[in-house]
Amino acid sequence: MSASRCGEERTPFLSSKRVAGLLGVTMTELAGLSGIARNTFAAKTGARKVDAALSPIIRILATAGEMTGDQVRAAIWFKTSADPGWVGKTAYDLVCEGKTDNLAYLKAARSGIYA
């Protein structure tokens, strides 16, 4: 999965609707996940803020998609797979808490370090 698949038409920014659709969440849930107000998604002046908030989510999903071979599986993993190394939290939980740096292990696992 690439950021271009989640992009807003005719702009260089990510589309909150496409990201919500990919994850199977409501716009309100996506707002909570990304840490920005729901109305910011619709505001024309909020495009950069939305893009910055959604970018870490897309990077995690892209890495998980490479590992699983499928963006649907990556989205399911993101929301449901609790990891003992994260005290039983899912990637979704960690992103909600603003801890996207804790997911850096995905790159190492993709490289085979923890496989």
N, C-alpha and C. Protein backbone atom coordinates (compact mmCIF):
# COMPACT_ATOMS: atom_id res chain seq x y z
N MET A 1 0.83 -1.16 0.00
CA MET A 1 0.00 0.00 0.00
C MET A 1 0.88 1.24 0.00
N SER A 2 0.48 2.22 -0.75
CA SER A 2 1.25 3.44 -0.77
C SER A 2 0.36 4.60 -0.37
N ALA A 3 0.99 5.69 -0.01
CA ALA A 3 0.24 6.88 0.38
C ALA A 3 -0.61 7.39 -0.77
N SER A 4 -0.18 7.16 -1.99
CA SER A 4 -0.95 7.63 -3.14
C SER A 4 -2.33 6.98 -3.22
N ARG A 5 -2.47 5.77 -2.70
CA ARG A 5 -3.77 5.09 -2.70
C ARG A 5 -4.71 5.70 -1.68
N CYS A 6 -4.17 6.44 -0.74
CA CYS A 6 -4.99 7.08 0.29
C CYS A 6 -5.03 8.59 0.10
N GLY A 7 -4.61 9.05 -1.06
CA GLY A 7 -4.53 10.48 -1.31
C GLY A 7 -5.85 11.11 -1.68
N GLU A 8 -5.92 12.39 -1.42
CA GLU A 8 -7.06 13.21 -1.82
C GLU A 8 -6.90 13.51 -3.30
N GLU A 9 -8.00 13.46 -4.03
CA GLU A 9 -7.92 13.72 -5.47
C GLU A 9 -7.39 15.12 -5.75
N ARG A 10 -6.49 15.19 -6.69
CA ARG A 10 -5.89 16.45 -7.20
C ARG A 10 -5.19 17.28 -6.13
N THR A 11 -4.75 16.64 -5.06
CA THR A 11 -3.95 17.33 -4.05
C THR A 11 -2.85 16.38 -3.59
N PRO A 12 -1.81 16.91 -2.99
CA PRO A 12 -0.73 16.04 -2.49
C PRO A 12 -1.01 15.49 -1.09
N PHE A 13 -2.22 15.70 -0.57
CA PHE A 13 -2.52 15.34 0.81
C PHE A 13 -3.29 14.03 0.92
N LEU A 14 -3.22 13.42 2.09
CA LEU A 14 -3.95 12.19 2.37
C LEU A 14 -5.44 12.48 2.55
N SER A 15 -6.27 11.53 2.19
CA SER A 15 -7.71 11.65 2.33
C SER A 15 -8.16 10.94 3.60
N SER A 16 -8.76 11.67 4.50
CA SER A 16 -9.26 11.07 5.74
C SER A 16 -10.35 10.04 5.43
N LYS A 17 -11.17 10.28 4.43
CA LYS A 17 -12.23 9.34 4.06
C LYS A 17 -11.65 8.02 3.56
N ARG A 18 -10.61 8.10 2.76
CA ARG A 18 -9.98 6.87 2.25
C ARG A 18 -9.29 6.08 3.36
N VAL A 19 -8.63 6.78 4.26
CA VAL A 19 -7.95 6.11 5.37
C VAL A 19 -8.99 5.46 6.29
N ALA A 20 -10.07 6.19 6.59
CA ALA A 20 -11.14 5.63 7.43
C ALA A 20 -11.75 4.40 6.75
N GLY A 21 -11.96 4.47 5.45
CA GLY A 21 -12.50 3.33 4.72
C GLY A 21 -11.58 2.14 4.75
N LEU A 22 -10.30 2.37 4.59
CA LEU A 22 -9.33 1.29 4.63
C LEU A 22 -9.32 0.60 5.98
N LEU A 23 -9.39 1.39 7.04
CA LEU A 23 -9.37 0.84 8.40
C LEU A 23 -10.73 0.32 8.85
N GLY A 24 -11.79 0.71 8.15
CA GLY A 24 -13.12 0.30 8.56
C GLY A 24 -13.56 0.99 9.83
N VAL A 25 -13.22 2.27 9.96
CA VAL A 25 -13.60 3.05 11.13
C VAL A 25 -14.41 4.27 10.69
N THR A 26 -15.14 4.86 11.63
CA THR A 26 -15.87 6.08 11.34
C THR A 26 -14.91 7.27 11.35
N MET A 27 -15.39 8.39 10.85
CA MET A 27 -14.56 9.59 10.86
C MET A 27 -14.30 10.03 12.31
N THR A 28 -15.24 9.81 13.19
CA THR A 28 -15.05 10.15 14.60
C THR A 28 -13.96 9.27 15.21
N GLU A 29 -13.98 7.98 14.89
CA GLU A 29 -12.94 7.07 15.38
C GLU A 29 -11.58 7.46 14.81
N LEU A 30 -11.54 7.83 13.53
CA LEU A 30 -10.28 8.25 12.91
C LEU A 30 -9.77 9.53 13.56
N ALA A 31 -10.67 10.42 13.92
CA ALA A 31 -10.25 11.65 14.61
C ALA A 31 -9.60 11.31 15.95
N GLY A 32 -10.19 10.38 16.70
CA GLY A 32 -9.60 9.96 17.96
C GLY A 32 -8.27 9.27 17.77
N LEU A 33 -8.18 8.45 16.74
CA LEU A 33 -6.95 7.74 16.44
C LEU A 33 -5.83 8.69 16.06
N SER A 34 -6.16 9.68 15.23
CA SER A 34 -5.13 10.59 14.72
C SER A 34 -4.84 11.75 15.66
N GLY A 35 -5.72 11.96 16.63
CA GLY A 35 -5.49 13.02 17.60
C GLY A 35 -5.84 14.42 17.12
N ILE A 36 -6.70 14.51 16.10
CA ILE A 36 -7.13 15.83 15.65
C ILE A 36 -8.66 15.90 15.69
N ALA A 37 -9.19 17.10 15.70
CA ALA A 37 -10.63 17.30 15.74
C ALA A 37 -11.28 16.82 14.44
N ARG A 38 -12.46 16.22 14.56
CA ARG A 38 -13.16 15.68 13.40
C ARG A 38 -13.43 16.75 12.34
N ASN A 39 -13.76 17.98 12.76
CA ASN A 39 -14.05 19.03 11.78
C ASN A 39 -12.81 19.44 10.99
N THR A 40 -11.65 19.14 11.49
CA THR A 40 -10.41 19.47 10.77
C THR A 40 -10.33 18.69 9.47
N PHE A 41 -10.93 17.49 9.42
CA PHE A 41 -10.93 16.69 8.20
C PHE A 41 -11.61 17.42 7.04
N ALA A 42 -12.66 18.17 7.35
CA ALA A 42 -13.43 18.85 6.31
C ALA A 42 -12.92 20.26 6.00
N ALA A 43 -12.13 20.83 6.89
CA ALA A 43 -11.65 22.19 6.70
C ALA A 43 -10.56 22.24 5.64
N LYS A 44 -10.72 23.12 4.68
CA LYS A 44 -9.72 23.26 3.62
C LYS A 44 -8.37 23.70 4.18
N THR A 45 -8.40 24.47 5.24
CA THR A 45 -7.16 24.95 5.84
C THR A 45 -6.48 23.88 6.69
N GLY A 46 -7.16 22.76 6.92
CA GLY A 46 -6.60 21.72 7.78
C GLY A 46 -5.86 20.62 7.04
N ALA A 47 -5.71 20.73 5.73
CA ALA A 47 -5.12 19.65 4.93
C ALA A 47 -3.73 19.24 5.41
N ARG A 48 -2.88 20.19 5.71
CA ARG A 48 -1.52 19.86 6.16
C ARG A 48 -1.55 19.18 7.53
N LYS A 49 -2.41 19.64 8.41
CA LYS A 49 -2.52 19.05 9.74
C LYS A 49 -3.04 17.62 9.64
N VAL A 50 -4.05 17.41 8.79
CA VAL A 50 -4.59 16.06 8.57
C VAL A 50 -3.52 15.16 7.99
N ASP A 51 -2.79 15.65 7.02
CA ASP A 51 -1.74 14.87 6.39
C ASP A 51 -0.67 14.46 7.40
N ALA A 52 -0.28 15.39 8.25
CA ALA A 52 0.74 15.09 9.26
C ALA A 52 0.22 14.07 10.28
N ALA A 53 -1.06 14.15 10.62
CA ALA A 53 -1.63 13.23 11.61
C ALA A 53 -1.84 11.83 11.04
N LEU A 54 -2.16 11.75 9.75
CA LEU A 54 -2.44 10.45 9.13
C LEU A 54 -1.18 9.75 8.61
N SER A 55 -0.14 10.49 8.36
CA SER A 55 1.09 9.91 7.79
C SER A 55 1.68 8.77 8.61
N PRO A 56 1.79 8.88 9.94
CA PRO A 56 2.33 7.74 10.71
C PRO A 56 1.46 6.49 10.58
N ILE A 57 0.15 6.69 10.52
CA ILE A 57 -0.77 5.55 10.37
C ILE A 57 -0.54 4.86 9.04
N ILE A 58 -0.39 5.65 7.99
CA ILE A 58 -0.17 5.09 6.65
C ILE A 58 1.18 4.38 6.59
N ARG A 59 2.21 4.93 7.22
CA ARG A 59 3.52 4.27 7.24
C ARG A 59 3.43 2.91 7.94
N ILE A 60 2.73 2.85 9.06
CA ILE A 60 2.57 1.59 9.78
C ILE A 60 1.80 0.59 8.94
N LEU A 61 0.71 1.04 8.33
CA LEU A 61 -0.08 0.14 7.48
C LEU A 61 0.70 -0.33 6.26
N ALA A 62 1.53 0.55 5.70
CA ALA A 62 2.34 0.16 4.54
C ALA A 62 3.35 -0.92 4.93
N THR A 63 3.99 -0.75 6.07
CA THR A 63 4.96 -1.74 6.55
C THR A 63 4.26 -3.06 6.85
N ALA A 64 3.12 -2.99 7.54
CA ALA A 64 2.35 -4.20 7.84
C ALA A 64 1.85 -4.85 6.56
N GLY A 65 1.49 -4.04 5.59
CA GLY A 65 1.03 -4.57 4.30
C GLY A 65 2.13 -5.32 3.56
N GLU A 66 3.35 -4.82 3.65
CA GLU A 66 4.49 -5.53 3.04
C GLU A 66 4.71 -6.87 3.71
N MET A 67 4.51 -6.90 5.03
CA MET A 67 4.75 -8.14 5.78
C MET A 67 3.63 -9.16 5.57
N THR A 68 2.38 -8.68 5.47
CA THR A 68 1.26 -9.59 5.31
C THR A 68 0.93 -9.88 3.86
N GLY A 69 1.39 -9.01 2.97
CA GLY A 69 1.11 -9.19 1.55
C GLY A 69 -0.25 -8.68 1.12
N ASP A 70 -0.96 -8.00 2.01
CA ASP A 70 -2.32 -7.59 1.68
C ASP A 70 -2.72 -6.42 2.56
N GLN A 71 -3.29 -5.38 1.97
CA GLN A 71 -3.66 -4.21 2.77
C GLN A 71 -4.85 -4.48 3.69
N VAL A 72 -5.74 -5.39 3.31
CA VAL A 72 -6.86 -5.73 4.19
C VAL A 72 -6.34 -6.45 5.43
N ARG A 73 -5.43 -7.40 5.24
CA ARG A 73 -4.84 -8.09 6.39
C ARG A 73 -4.08 -7.12 7.28
N ALA A 74 -3.40 -6.16 6.65
CA ALA A 74 -2.65 -5.17 7.42
C ALA A 74 -3.60 -4.34 8.29
N ALA A 75 -4.75 -3.96 7.74
CA ALA A 75 -5.72 -3.18 8.50
C ALA A 75 -6.30 -4.00 9.65
N ILE A 76 -6.56 -5.28 9.39
CA ILE A 76 -7.07 -6.16 10.45
C ILE A 76 -6.02 -6.32 11.55
N TRP A 77 -4.76 -6.54 11.15
CA TRP A 77 -3.67 -6.64 12.13
C TRP A 77 -3.60 -5.37 12.97
N PHE A 78 -3.66 -4.23 12.31
CA PHE A 78 -3.54 -2.93 12.96
C PHE A 78 -4.57 -2.78 14.08
N LYS A 79 -5.78 -3.25 13.83
CA LYS A 79 -6.87 -3.06 14.79
C LYS A 79 -7.01 -4.18 15.82
N THR A 80 -6.56 -5.39 15.50
CA THR A 80 -6.92 -6.51 16.36
C THR A 80 -5.78 -7.32 16.96
N SER A 81 -4.60 -7.26 16.42
CA SER A 81 -3.52 -8.12 16.91
C SER A 81 -2.77 -7.50 18.08
N ALA A 82 -3.07 -8.01 19.25
CA ALA A 82 -2.38 -7.56 20.46
C ALA A 82 -1.03 -8.26 20.54
N ASP A 83 -0.02 -7.52 20.91
CA ASP A 83 1.34 -8.05 20.98
C ASP A 83 1.81 -8.04 22.42
N PRO A 84 2.32 -9.18 22.91
CA PRO A 84 2.81 -9.23 24.29
C PRO A 84 3.93 -8.23 24.55
N GLY A 85 4.73 -7.93 23.54
CA GLY A 85 5.81 -6.97 23.69
C GLY A 85 5.30 -5.55 23.90
N TRP A 86 4.04 -5.34 23.58
CA TRP A 86 3.42 -4.03 23.79
C TRP A 86 2.42 -4.11 24.94
N VAL A 87 2.62 -5.02 25.86
CA VAL A 87 1.74 -5.22 27.01
C VAL A 87 0.31 -5.52 26.54
N GLY A 88 0.20 -6.32 25.49
CA GLY A 88 -1.10 -6.75 24.99
C GLY A 88 -1.87 -5.70 24.22
N LYS A 89 -1.22 -4.63 23.83
CA LYS A 89 -1.89 -3.57 23.07
C LYS A 89 -1.75 -3.81 21.58
N THR A 90 -2.71 -3.30 20.84
CA THR A 90 -2.65 -3.37 19.38
C THR A 90 -1.93 -2.13 18.85
N ALA A 91 -1.60 -2.16 17.57
CA ALA A 91 -1.01 -0.98 16.94
C ALA A 91 -2.00 0.19 17.02
N TYR A 92 -3.28 -0.11 16.86
CA TYR A 92 -4.33 0.91 16.98
C TYR A 92 -4.25 1.58 18.35
N ASP A 93 -4.14 0.79 19.40
CA ASP A 93 -4.05 1.32 20.76
C ASP A 93 -2.85 2.25 20.91
N LEU A 94 -1.70 1.79 20.41
CA LEU A 94 -0.48 2.59 20.54
C LEU A 94 -0.57 3.90 19.77
N VAL A 95 -1.16 3.86 18.58
CA VAL A 95 -1.32 5.10 17.81
C VAL A 95 -2.26 6.05 18.55
N CYS A 96 -3.34 5.52 19.12
CA CYS A 96 -4.26 6.36 19.91
C CYS A 96 -3.54 7.06 21.05
N GLU A 97 -2.55 6.38 21.61
CA GLU A 97 -1.78 6.94 22.72
C GLU A 97 -0.63 7.83 22.23
N GLY A 98 -0.50 7.99 20.92
CA GLY A 98 0.57 8.82 20.37
C GLY A 98 1.93 8.17 20.39
N LYS A 99 1.96 6.84 20.47
CA LYS A 99 3.22 6.12 20.58
C LYS A 99 3.60 5.43 19.28
N THR A 100 3.61 6.17 18.19
CA THR A 100 3.96 5.56 16.91
C THR A 100 5.42 5.15 16.84
N ASP A 101 6.27 5.75 17.65
CA ASP A 101 7.69 5.38 17.67
C ASP A 101 7.86 3.97 18.25
N ASN A 102 6.93 3.49 19.07
CA ASN A 102 7.02 2.14 19.62
C ASN A 102 6.82 1.08 18.55
N LEU A 103 6.35 1.47 17.38
CA LEU A 103 6.09 0.52 16.31
C LEU A 103 7.29 0.38 15.38
N ALA A 104 8.41 0.96 15.76
CA ALA A 104 9.61 0.89 14.93
C ALA A 104 10.09 -0.55 14.76
N TYR A 105 9.69 -1.43 15.68
CA TYR A 105 10.11 -2.82 15.57
C TYR A 105 9.60 -3.47 14.29
N LEU A 106 8.54 -2.90 13.69
CA LEU A 106 8.01 -3.46 12.44
C LEU A 106 9.09 -3.49 11.35
N LYS A 107 9.87 -2.44 11.27
CA LYS A 107 10.94 -2.40 10.26
C LYS A 107 11.97 -3.47 10.53
N ALA A 108 12.29 -3.66 11.80
CA ALA A 108 13.27 -4.68 12.16
C ALA A 108 12.71 -6.08 11.85
N ALA A 109 11.45 -6.29 12.17
CA ALA A 109 10.83 -7.59 11.90
C ALA A 109 10.76 -7.85 10.40
N ARG A 110 10.47 -6.81 9.63
CA ARG A 110 10.43 -6.95 8.17
C ARG A 110 11.80 -7.34 7.63
N SER A 111 12.85 -6.86 8.28
CA SER A 111 14.22 -7.19 7.85
C SER A 111 14.67 -8.55 8.34
N GLY A 112 13.85 -9.18 9.20
CA GLY A 112 14.17 -10.50 9.69
C GLY A 112 14.90 -10.54 11.01
N ILE A 113 15.07 -9.40 11.64
CA ILE A 113 15.81 -9.35 12.90
C ILE A 113 15.08 -10.10 14.00
N TYR A 114 13.76 -9.93 14.09
CA TYR A 114 12.98 -10.57 15.14
C TYR A 114 12.17 -11.75 14.61
N ALA A 115 12.39 -12.14 13.40
CA ALA A 115 11.58 -13.21 12.81
C ALA A 115 11.96 -14.56 13.40
